[in-house]
N, C-alpha and C. Protein backbone atom coordinates (compact mmCIF):
# COMPACT_ATOMS: atom_id res chain seq x y z
N UNK A 1 157.49 -42.48 -90.87
CA UNK A 1 158.11 -41.24 -90.48
C UNK A 1 157.30 -40.07 -91.03
N UNK A 2 157.16 -39.01 -90.24
CA UNK A 2 156.38 -37.85 -90.64
C UNK A 2 157.29 -36.70 -91.06
N UNK A 3 156.83 -35.94 -92.04
CA UNK A 3 157.56 -34.79 -92.53
C UNK A 3 156.64 -33.58 -92.47
N UNK A 4 157.09 -32.51 -91.81
CA UNK A 4 156.21 -31.36 -91.59
C UNK A 4 156.75 -30.12 -92.28
N UNK A 5 155.83 -29.20 -92.50
CA UNK A 5 156.16 -27.86 -92.95
C UNK A 5 155.15 -26.92 -92.31
N UNK A 6 155.64 -25.77 -91.83
CA UNK A 6 154.77 -24.80 -91.15
C UNK A 6 154.86 -23.46 -91.84
N UNK A 7 153.74 -22.77 -91.85
CA UNK A 7 153.66 -21.42 -92.37
C UNK A 7 153.00 -20.58 -91.29
N UNK A 8 153.74 -19.64 -90.74
CA UNK A 8 153.27 -18.88 -89.58
C UNK A 8 152.85 -17.47 -90.01
N UNK A 9 151.92 -16.92 -89.28
CA UNK A 9 151.47 -15.53 -89.42
C UNK A 9 150.95 -15.22 -90.83
N UNK A 10 150.03 -16.04 -91.29
CA UNK A 10 149.41 -15.83 -92.60
C UNK A 10 148.20 -14.94 -92.42
N UNK A 11 148.04 -13.93 -93.24
CA UNK A 11 146.94 -12.98 -93.12
C UNK A 11 145.67 -13.54 -93.76
N UNK A 12 145.15 -14.59 -93.18
CA UNK A 12 143.88 -15.16 -93.59
C UNK A 12 143.25 -15.77 -92.34
N UNK A 13 141.95 -15.77 -92.27
CA UNK A 13 141.31 -16.34 -91.09
C UNK A 13 141.47 -17.86 -91.14
N UNK A 14 141.61 -18.49 -89.99
CA UNK A 14 141.76 -19.95 -89.97
C UNK A 14 140.58 -20.68 -90.59
N UNK A 15 139.40 -20.10 -90.47
CA UNK A 15 138.21 -20.74 -91.03
C UNK A 15 138.33 -20.84 -92.56
N UNK A 16 138.81 -19.79 -93.19
CA UNK A 16 138.97 -19.81 -94.64
C UNK A 16 140.08 -20.76 -95.07
N UNK A 17 141.13 -20.82 -94.27
CA UNK A 17 142.24 -21.73 -94.59
C UNK A 17 141.80 -23.18 -94.44
N UNK A 18 140.97 -23.46 -93.44
CA UNK A 18 140.51 -24.84 -93.22
C UNK A 18 139.67 -25.35 -94.38
N UNK A 19 138.94 -24.45 -95.05
CA UNK A 19 138.15 -24.87 -96.20
C UNK A 19 139.04 -25.51 -97.27
N UNK A 20 140.20 -24.93 -97.49
CA UNK A 20 141.11 -25.45 -98.51
C UNK A 20 141.88 -26.65 -97.98
N UNK A 21 142.29 -26.60 -96.71
CA UNK A 21 143.06 -27.71 -96.14
C UNK A 21 142.22 -28.98 -96.07
N UNK A 22 140.92 -28.85 -95.87
CA UNK A 22 140.05 -30.03 -95.83
C UNK A 22 139.98 -30.72 -97.19
N UNK A 23 140.24 -29.98 -98.27
CA UNK A 23 140.22 -30.58 -99.60
C UNK A 23 141.38 -31.55 -99.81
N UNK A 24 142.49 -31.34 -99.10
CA UNK A 24 143.69 -32.15 -99.37
C UNK A 24 143.99 -33.17 -98.29
N UNK A 25 143.26 -33.16 -97.18
CA UNK A 25 143.54 -34.12 -96.10
C UNK A 25 143.35 -35.54 -96.59
N UNK A 26 144.33 -36.39 -96.32
CA UNK A 26 144.23 -37.80 -96.65
C UNK A 26 144.53 -38.14 -98.10
N UNK A 27 144.80 -37.16 -98.93
CA UNK A 27 145.08 -37.43 -100.34
C UNK A 27 146.56 -37.65 -100.58
N UNK A 28 146.87 -38.29 -101.69
CA UNK A 28 148.26 -38.42 -102.11
C UNK A 28 148.80 -37.04 -102.45
N UNK A 29 150.09 -36.85 -102.32
CA UNK A 29 150.69 -35.53 -102.51
C UNK A 29 150.46 -35.03 -103.92
N UNK A 30 150.63 -35.89 -104.90
CA UNK A 30 150.45 -35.48 -106.29
C UNK A 30 149.02 -35.01 -106.54
N UNK A 31 148.07 -35.75 -106.02
CA UNK A 31 146.66 -35.41 -106.17
C UNK A 31 146.33 -34.11 -105.43
N UNK A 32 146.92 -33.93 -104.25
CA UNK A 32 146.68 -32.72 -103.46
C UNK A 32 147.25 -31.49 -104.16
N UNK A 33 148.42 -31.62 -104.77
CA UNK A 33 149.00 -30.49 -105.50
C UNK A 33 148.13 -30.10 -106.69
N UNK A 34 147.58 -31.09 -107.39
CA UNK A 34 146.68 -30.80 -108.51
C UNK A 34 145.42 -30.10 -108.02
N UNK A 35 144.89 -30.55 -106.89
CA UNK A 35 143.70 -29.93 -106.33
C UNK A 35 143.95 -28.47 -105.97
N UNK A 36 145.08 -28.22 -105.35
CA UNK A 36 145.41 -26.85 -104.95
C UNK A 36 145.66 -25.95 -106.16
N UNK A 37 146.20 -26.53 -107.21
CA UNK A 37 146.51 -25.76 -108.39
C UNK A 37 145.25 -25.20 -109.05
N UNK A 38 144.14 -25.95 -108.95
CA UNK A 38 142.90 -25.54 -109.60
C UNK A 38 141.83 -25.04 -108.63
N UNK A 39 142.20 -24.80 -107.38
CA UNK A 39 141.26 -24.26 -106.41
C UNK A 39 141.27 -22.74 -106.53
N UNK A 40 140.09 -22.12 -106.51
CA UNK A 40 139.98 -20.69 -106.75
C UNK A 40 140.06 -19.84 -105.49
N UNK A 41 140.32 -20.42 -104.34
CA UNK A 41 140.43 -19.66 -103.10
C UNK A 41 141.74 -18.89 -103.09
N UNK A 42 141.75 -17.75 -102.41
CA UNK A 42 142.94 -16.90 -102.37
C UNK A 42 144.10 -17.49 -101.62
N UNK A 43 143.84 -18.37 -100.67
CA UNK A 43 144.90 -18.96 -99.86
C UNK A 43 145.53 -20.17 -100.55
N UNK A 44 144.92 -20.69 -101.60
CA UNK A 44 145.39 -21.92 -102.25
C UNK A 44 146.84 -21.84 -102.74
N UNK A 45 147.30 -20.74 -103.35
CA UNK A 45 148.71 -20.71 -103.78
C UNK A 45 149.70 -20.80 -102.61
N UNK A 46 149.35 -20.21 -101.48
CA UNK A 46 150.25 -20.29 -100.32
C UNK A 46 150.29 -21.71 -99.75
N UNK A 47 149.14 -22.38 -99.73
CA UNK A 47 149.10 -23.75 -99.25
C UNK A 47 149.83 -24.67 -100.23
N UNK A 48 149.75 -24.36 -101.52
CA UNK A 48 150.48 -25.11 -102.53
C UNK A 48 151.98 -25.04 -102.26
N UNK A 49 152.49 -23.83 -101.98
CA UNK A 49 153.91 -23.66 -101.67
C UNK A 49 154.29 -24.40 -100.38
N UNK A 50 153.38 -24.38 -99.40
CA UNK A 50 153.63 -25.08 -98.14
C UNK A 50 153.73 -26.59 -98.37
N UNK A 51 152.85 -27.13 -99.18
CA UNK A 51 152.87 -28.56 -99.47
C UNK A 51 154.14 -28.94 -100.24
N UNK A 52 154.53 -28.11 -101.17
CA UNK A 52 155.78 -28.35 -101.91
C UNK A 52 156.97 -28.34 -100.96
N UNK A 53 156.94 -27.43 -99.99
CA UNK A 53 158.00 -27.36 -99.00
C UNK A 53 158.06 -28.63 -98.16
N UNK A 54 156.91 -29.16 -97.79
CA UNK A 54 156.87 -30.41 -97.02
C UNK A 54 157.45 -31.57 -97.84
N UNK A 55 157.17 -31.59 -99.13
CA UNK A 55 157.73 -32.64 -100.00
C UNK A 55 159.24 -32.51 -100.08
N UNK A 56 159.73 -31.28 -100.20
CA UNK A 56 161.17 -31.05 -100.25
C UNK A 56 161.83 -31.40 -98.92
N UNK A 57 161.12 -31.15 -97.81
CA UNK A 57 161.64 -31.56 -96.50
C UNK A 57 161.78 -33.08 -96.44
N UNK A 58 160.80 -33.78 -96.97
CA UNK A 58 160.87 -35.24 -96.99
C UNK A 58 162.03 -35.71 -97.85
N UNK A 59 162.22 -35.07 -98.97
CA UNK A 59 163.32 -35.42 -99.87
C UNK A 59 164.67 -35.17 -99.20
N UNK A 60 164.79 -34.04 -98.51
CA UNK A 60 166.03 -33.67 -97.84
C UNK A 60 166.35 -34.64 -96.70
N UNK A 61 165.35 -34.95 -95.88
CA UNK A 61 165.56 -35.85 -94.74
C UNK A 61 165.94 -37.24 -95.23
N UNK A 62 165.30 -37.69 -96.31
CA UNK A 62 165.63 -39.02 -96.83
C UNK A 62 167.06 -39.07 -97.35
N UNK A 63 167.54 -37.98 -97.93
CA UNK A 63 168.91 -37.95 -98.43
C UNK A 63 169.91 -37.85 -97.28
N UNK A 64 169.60 -37.06 -96.26
CA UNK A 64 170.51 -36.86 -95.13
C UNK A 64 170.65 -38.10 -94.26
N UNK A 65 169.56 -38.78 -93.99
CA UNK A 65 169.56 -39.92 -93.08
C UNK A 65 169.64 -41.26 -93.81
N UNK A 66 169.84 -41.22 -95.11
CA UNK A 66 169.91 -42.42 -95.94
C UNK A 66 168.68 -43.31 -95.76
N UNK A 67 167.51 -42.68 -95.73
CA UNK A 67 166.26 -43.42 -95.65
C UNK A 67 165.75 -43.68 -97.06
N UNK A 68 165.12 -44.80 -97.24
CA UNK A 68 164.55 -45.13 -98.55
C UNK A 68 163.09 -44.72 -98.54
N UNK A 69 162.82 -43.49 -98.95
CA UNK A 69 161.44 -42.97 -98.94
C UNK A 69 160.99 -42.79 -100.38
N UNK A 70 159.85 -43.39 -100.69
CA UNK A 70 159.27 -43.26 -102.02
C UNK A 70 158.37 -42.02 -102.01
N UNK A 71 158.76 -40.98 -102.72
CA UNK A 71 158.00 -39.74 -102.72
C UNK A 71 156.63 -39.90 -103.37
N UNK A 72 156.47 -40.93 -104.21
CA UNK A 72 155.17 -41.15 -104.85
C UNK A 72 154.15 -41.73 -103.89
N UNK A 73 154.61 -42.30 -102.76
CA UNK A 73 153.70 -42.90 -101.80
C UNK A 73 153.40 -41.98 -100.62
N UNK A 74 153.84 -40.74 -100.68
CA UNK A 74 153.54 -39.79 -99.61
C UNK A 74 152.09 -39.33 -99.71
N UNK A 75 151.47 -39.12 -98.54
CA UNK A 75 150.12 -38.58 -98.50
C UNK A 75 150.03 -37.55 -97.39
N UNK A 76 149.00 -36.72 -97.42
CA UNK A 76 148.81 -35.67 -96.43
C UNK A 76 148.16 -36.29 -95.20
N UNK A 77 148.93 -36.41 -94.13
CA UNK A 77 148.44 -37.04 -92.91
C UNK A 77 147.61 -36.05 -92.10
N UNK A 78 148.13 -34.85 -91.88
CA UNK A 78 147.42 -33.79 -91.16
C UNK A 78 147.56 -32.49 -91.95
N UNK A 79 146.54 -31.68 -91.89
CA UNK A 79 146.59 -30.32 -92.44
C UNK A 79 145.79 -29.45 -91.49
N UNK A 80 146.48 -28.59 -90.76
CA UNK A 80 145.86 -27.86 -89.66
C UNK A 80 146.02 -26.36 -89.86
N UNK A 81 144.98 -25.61 -89.51
CA UNK A 81 145.04 -24.15 -89.47
C UNK A 81 144.67 -23.71 -88.06
N UNK A 82 145.62 -23.16 -87.34
CA UNK A 82 145.39 -22.69 -85.97
C UNK A 82 145.33 -21.17 -85.93
N UNK A 83 144.74 -20.65 -84.85
CA UNK A 83 144.68 -19.20 -84.65
C UNK A 83 146.06 -18.65 -84.35
N UNK A 84 146.31 -17.48 -84.90
CA UNK A 84 147.50 -16.73 -84.53
C UNK A 84 147.05 -15.50 -83.75
N UNK A 85 147.93 -14.55 -83.53
CA UNK A 85 147.52 -13.33 -82.84
C UNK A 85 146.56 -12.52 -83.71
N UNK A 86 145.69 -11.79 -83.07
CA UNK A 86 144.72 -10.98 -83.81
C UNK A 86 145.14 -9.52 -83.78
N UNK A 87 144.95 -8.85 -84.90
CA UNK A 87 145.25 -7.42 -84.96
C UNK A 87 143.96 -6.67 -84.69
N UNK A 88 143.97 -5.82 -83.68
CA UNK A 88 142.78 -5.03 -83.35
C UNK A 88 142.81 -3.75 -84.18
N UNK A 89 141.71 -3.49 -84.85
CA UNK A 89 141.61 -2.31 -85.70
C UNK A 89 140.33 -1.56 -85.35
N UNK A 90 140.27 -0.30 -85.78
CA UNK A 90 139.11 0.55 -85.49
C UNK A 90 138.57 1.10 -86.80
N UNK A 91 137.24 1.03 -86.93
CA UNK A 91 136.57 1.56 -88.11
C UNK A 91 135.73 2.76 -87.67
N UNK A 92 135.80 3.86 -88.39
CA UNK A 92 134.98 5.02 -88.03
C UNK A 92 133.49 4.69 -88.13
N UNK A 93 132.73 5.19 -87.20
CA UNK A 93 131.30 4.93 -87.14
C UNK A 93 130.57 6.27 -87.10
N UNK A 94 129.27 6.29 -87.26
CA UNK A 94 128.52 7.55 -87.26
C UNK A 94 128.62 8.28 -85.93
N UNK A 95 128.47 9.60 -86.00
CA UNK A 95 128.42 10.48 -84.83
C UNK A 95 129.70 10.41 -84.00
N UNK A 96 130.83 10.28 -84.66
CA UNK A 96 132.11 10.34 -83.97
C UNK A 96 132.49 9.09 -83.20
N UNK A 97 131.72 8.06 -83.31
CA UNK A 97 132.04 6.83 -82.59
C UNK A 97 133.03 5.98 -83.41
N UNK A 98 133.48 4.90 -82.79
CA UNK A 98 134.42 3.98 -83.46
C UNK A 98 133.99 2.55 -83.17
N UNK A 99 133.99 1.73 -84.21
CA UNK A 99 133.70 0.31 -84.05
C UNK A 99 135.01 -0.46 -84.14
N UNK A 100 135.19 -1.40 -83.24
CA UNK A 100 136.40 -2.23 -83.25
C UNK A 100 136.14 -3.49 -84.06
N UNK A 101 137.16 -3.93 -84.77
CA UNK A 101 137.10 -5.22 -85.46
C UNK A 101 138.47 -5.86 -85.39
N UNK A 102 138.53 -7.14 -85.71
CA UNK A 102 139.78 -7.88 -85.58
C UNK A 102 140.18 -8.49 -86.91
N UNK A 103 141.45 -8.35 -87.23
CA UNK A 103 142.02 -9.01 -88.41
C UNK A 103 142.65 -10.31 -87.92
N UNK A 104 142.16 -11.41 -88.43
CA UNK A 104 142.63 -12.70 -87.95
C UNK A 104 143.88 -13.15 -88.71
N UNK A 105 144.72 -13.87 -87.99
CA UNK A 105 145.96 -14.42 -88.54
C UNK A 105 145.97 -15.91 -88.20
N UNK A 106 146.54 -16.71 -89.09
CA UNK A 106 146.56 -18.15 -88.82
C UNK A 106 147.96 -18.72 -89.00
N UNK A 107 148.17 -19.84 -88.33
CA UNK A 107 149.38 -20.64 -88.47
C UNK A 107 148.98 -21.94 -89.16
N UNK A 108 149.60 -22.24 -90.28
CA UNK A 108 149.26 -23.44 -91.05
C UNK A 108 150.34 -24.49 -90.87
N UNK A 109 149.93 -25.75 -90.82
CA UNK A 109 150.87 -26.86 -90.67
C UNK A 109 150.39 -28.03 -91.52
N UNK A 110 151.32 -28.60 -92.29
CA UNK A 110 151.03 -29.76 -93.13
C UNK A 110 152.00 -30.86 -92.73
N UNK A 111 151.46 -32.05 -92.48
CA UNK A 111 152.26 -33.22 -92.11
C UNK A 111 152.06 -34.30 -93.17
N UNK A 112 153.18 -34.78 -93.70
CA UNK A 112 153.15 -35.85 -94.70
C UNK A 112 153.65 -37.14 -94.08
N UNK A 113 153.15 -38.25 -94.56
CA UNK A 113 153.61 -39.57 -94.12
C UNK A 113 153.62 -40.48 -95.34
N UNK A 114 154.33 -41.59 -95.19
CA UNK A 114 154.42 -42.54 -96.28
C UNK A 114 153.39 -43.65 -96.07
N UNK A 115 152.63 -43.96 -97.10
CA UNK A 115 151.63 -45.03 -97.00
C UNK A 115 152.32 -46.37 -96.87
N UNK A 116 151.66 -47.28 -96.16
CA UNK A 116 152.18 -48.64 -96.03
C UNK A 116 152.12 -49.32 -97.38
N UNK A 117 152.84 -50.43 -97.53
CA UNK A 117 152.90 -51.16 -98.80
C UNK A 117 151.54 -51.63 -99.23
N UNK A 118 151.31 -51.62 -100.54
CA UNK A 118 150.03 -52.09 -101.08
C UNK A 118 149.99 -53.61 -101.08
N UNK A 119 148.85 -54.17 -100.70
CA UNK A 119 148.66 -55.62 -100.70
C UNK A 119 147.81 -56.06 -101.89
N UNK A 120 147.72 -55.23 -102.90
CA UNK A 120 146.88 -55.56 -104.05
C UNK A 120 147.41 -56.79 -104.78
N UNK A 121 148.71 -56.92 -104.91
CA UNK A 121 149.29 -58.06 -105.62
C UNK A 121 148.95 -59.37 -104.91
N UNK A 122 148.98 -59.37 -103.59
CA UNK A 122 148.65 -60.59 -102.84
C UNK A 122 147.19 -60.97 -103.06
N UNK A 123 146.28 -59.99 -103.14
CA UNK A 123 144.87 -60.28 -103.36
C UNK A 123 144.65 -60.90 -104.74
N UNK A 124 145.33 -60.39 -105.75
CA UNK A 124 145.13 -60.93 -107.10
C UNK A 124 145.67 -62.34 -107.20
N UNK A 125 146.75 -62.64 -106.50
CA UNK A 125 147.30 -63.99 -106.52
C UNK A 125 146.32 -64.97 -105.90
N UNK A 126 145.70 -64.59 -104.77
CA UNK A 126 144.78 -65.51 -104.12
C UNK A 126 143.53 -65.71 -104.97
N UNK A 127 143.04 -64.67 -105.65
CA UNK A 127 141.83 -64.86 -106.47
C UNK A 127 142.13 -65.72 -107.68
N UNK A 128 143.35 -65.62 -108.22
CA UNK A 128 143.68 -66.44 -109.37
C UNK A 128 143.88 -67.90 -108.98
N UNK A 129 144.33 -68.16 -107.77
CA UNK A 129 144.61 -69.53 -107.36
C UNK A 129 143.47 -70.19 -106.61
N UNK A 130 142.25 -69.65 -106.68
CA UNK A 130 141.13 -70.25 -105.95
C UNK A 130 140.75 -71.59 -106.56
N UNK A 131 140.19 -72.44 -105.73
CA UNK A 131 139.75 -73.76 -106.23
C UNK A 131 138.44 -73.61 -106.98
N UNK A 132 138.07 -74.62 -107.74
CA UNK A 132 136.85 -74.58 -108.53
C UNK A 132 135.60 -74.51 -107.69
N UNK A 133 135.58 -75.16 -106.52
CA UNK A 133 134.41 -75.17 -105.65
C UNK A 133 134.11 -73.77 -105.13
N UNK A 134 135.15 -73.05 -104.78
CA UNK A 134 134.97 -71.68 -104.27
C UNK A 134 134.42 -70.79 -105.37
N UNK A 135 134.91 -70.98 -106.60
CA UNK A 135 134.43 -70.16 -107.72
C UNK A 135 132.95 -70.43 -107.99
N UNK A 136 132.54 -71.71 -107.93
CA UNK A 136 131.14 -72.05 -108.18
C UNK A 136 130.23 -71.45 -107.11
N UNK A 137 130.68 -71.49 -105.86
CA UNK A 137 129.89 -70.92 -104.78
C UNK A 137 129.74 -69.41 -104.96
N UNK A 138 130.79 -68.76 -105.40
CA UNK A 138 130.73 -67.31 -105.62
C UNK A 138 129.76 -66.99 -106.75
N UNK A 139 129.75 -67.82 -107.82
CA UNK A 139 128.83 -67.58 -108.93
C UNK A 139 127.38 -67.73 -108.49
N UNK A 140 127.09 -68.73 -107.61
CA UNK A 140 125.73 -68.93 -107.12
C UNK A 140 125.26 -67.73 -106.33
N UNK A 141 126.13 -67.18 -105.50
CA UNK A 141 125.76 -66.01 -104.71
C UNK A 141 125.43 -64.83 -105.61
N UNK A 142 126.22 -64.66 -106.67
CA UNK A 142 125.98 -63.56 -107.60
C UNK A 142 124.66 -63.76 -108.33
N UNK A 143 124.36 -65.00 -108.75
CA UNK A 143 123.10 -65.27 -109.45
C UNK A 143 121.90 -65.02 -108.54
N UNK A 144 121.99 -65.43 -107.27
CA UNK A 144 120.89 -65.21 -106.33
C UNK A 144 120.64 -63.72 -106.12
N UNK A 145 121.70 -62.96 -106.02
CA UNK A 145 121.55 -61.52 -105.82
C UNK A 145 120.89 -60.88 -107.05
N UNK A 146 121.27 -61.35 -108.23
CA UNK A 146 120.67 -60.81 -109.46
C UNK A 146 119.19 -61.18 -109.54
N UNK A 147 118.84 -62.40 -109.12
CA UNK A 147 117.44 -62.84 -109.15
C UNK A 147 116.60 -62.01 -108.19
N UNK A 148 117.13 -61.72 -107.02
CA UNK A 148 116.38 -60.91 -106.05
C UNK A 148 116.13 -59.51 -106.58
N UNK A 149 117.09 -58.94 -107.26
CA UNK A 149 116.93 -57.59 -107.79
C UNK A 149 115.83 -57.54 -108.84
N UNK A 150 115.78 -58.56 -109.71
CA UNK A 150 114.77 -58.54 -110.76
C UNK A 150 113.37 -58.78 -110.19
N UNK A 151 113.25 -59.57 -109.13
CA UNK A 151 111.95 -59.85 -108.54
C UNK A 151 111.42 -58.65 -107.75
N UNK A 152 112.27 -57.79 -107.35
CA UNK A 152 111.86 -56.67 -106.50
C UNK A 152 111.23 -55.53 -107.30
N UNK A 153 111.25 -55.59 -108.62
CA UNK A 153 110.69 -54.50 -109.43
C UNK A 153 109.18 -54.47 -109.28
N UNK A 154 108.64 -53.26 -109.20
CA UNK A 154 107.20 -53.09 -109.06
C UNK A 154 106.58 -52.77 -110.42
N UNK A 155 105.31 -53.06 -110.52
CA UNK A 155 104.58 -52.71 -111.73
C UNK A 155 104.32 -51.21 -111.73
N UNK A 156 104.25 -50.60 -112.89
CA UNK A 156 104.00 -49.15 -112.92
C UNK A 156 102.62 -48.82 -112.34
N UNK A 157 102.51 -47.68 -111.73
CA UNK A 157 101.25 -47.27 -111.09
C UNK A 157 100.22 -46.93 -112.16
N UNK A 158 98.93 -47.14 -111.82
CA UNK A 158 97.86 -46.81 -112.76
C UNK A 158 97.64 -45.31 -112.76
N UNK A 159 97.24 -44.82 -113.90
CA UNK A 159 97.00 -43.39 -114.02
C UNK A 159 95.69 -43.02 -113.32
N UNK A 160 95.69 -41.84 -112.73
CA UNK A 160 94.52 -41.33 -112.04
C UNK A 160 93.58 -40.69 -113.07
N UNK A 161 92.37 -41.18 -113.14
CA UNK A 161 91.42 -40.69 -114.14
C UNK A 161 90.83 -39.36 -113.75
N UNK A 162 90.89 -38.99 -112.52
CA UNK A 162 90.32 -37.72 -112.08
C UNK A 162 89.07 -37.97 -111.25
N UNK A 163 88.64 -36.93 -110.55
CA UNK A 163 87.49 -37.05 -109.66
C UNK A 163 86.21 -36.95 -110.50
N UNK A 164 85.36 -37.95 -110.27
CA UNK A 164 84.09 -37.93 -111.00
C UNK A 164 83.08 -37.18 -110.17
N UNK A 165 82.43 -36.29 -110.81
CA UNK A 165 81.39 -35.51 -110.08
C UNK A 165 80.03 -35.87 -110.64
N UNK A 166 79.08 -35.85 -109.76
CA UNK A 166 77.70 -36.11 -110.18
C UNK A 166 76.86 -34.88 -109.87
N UNK A 167 76.05 -34.49 -110.80
CA UNK A 167 75.18 -33.31 -110.63
C UNK A 167 73.83 -33.76 -110.14
N UNK A 168 73.28 -32.99 -109.19
CA UNK A 168 71.94 -33.30 -108.69
C UNK A 168 70.96 -32.24 -109.04
């Protein structure tokens, strides 16, 4: 299940917001919050609040619908910065002219999802219960790889004595 939070009409260009959002994509929520806390970009505190809001949305939905959601297993599935409306402004220019420029606005969206169950415990059980023949074969492969690495070393290059010149 996905949990979203949106922040609309933020006075920052989408390009600048994407720089910070790319830092947190795919990370666990706790790790993403720590990253945002120590990021020096101006938009980082607003994205921090947005991410906290998404976590609270997940907490609220899980309580309302009686879902068993582990907040520690949430991760940032999507983090998007889209264009909003642009404000057209005019800057005075030389000789009575005017230059137009645009103030960009962005819409930010963060989507959280819960990671699937970890299969780490199943992997450790299978490695502990391996037969002796499989273990011996694995050791041979490791020894062969180590032997190849040591044989691949080259001898150090000889020093260049310099160009010999002969006088006539």
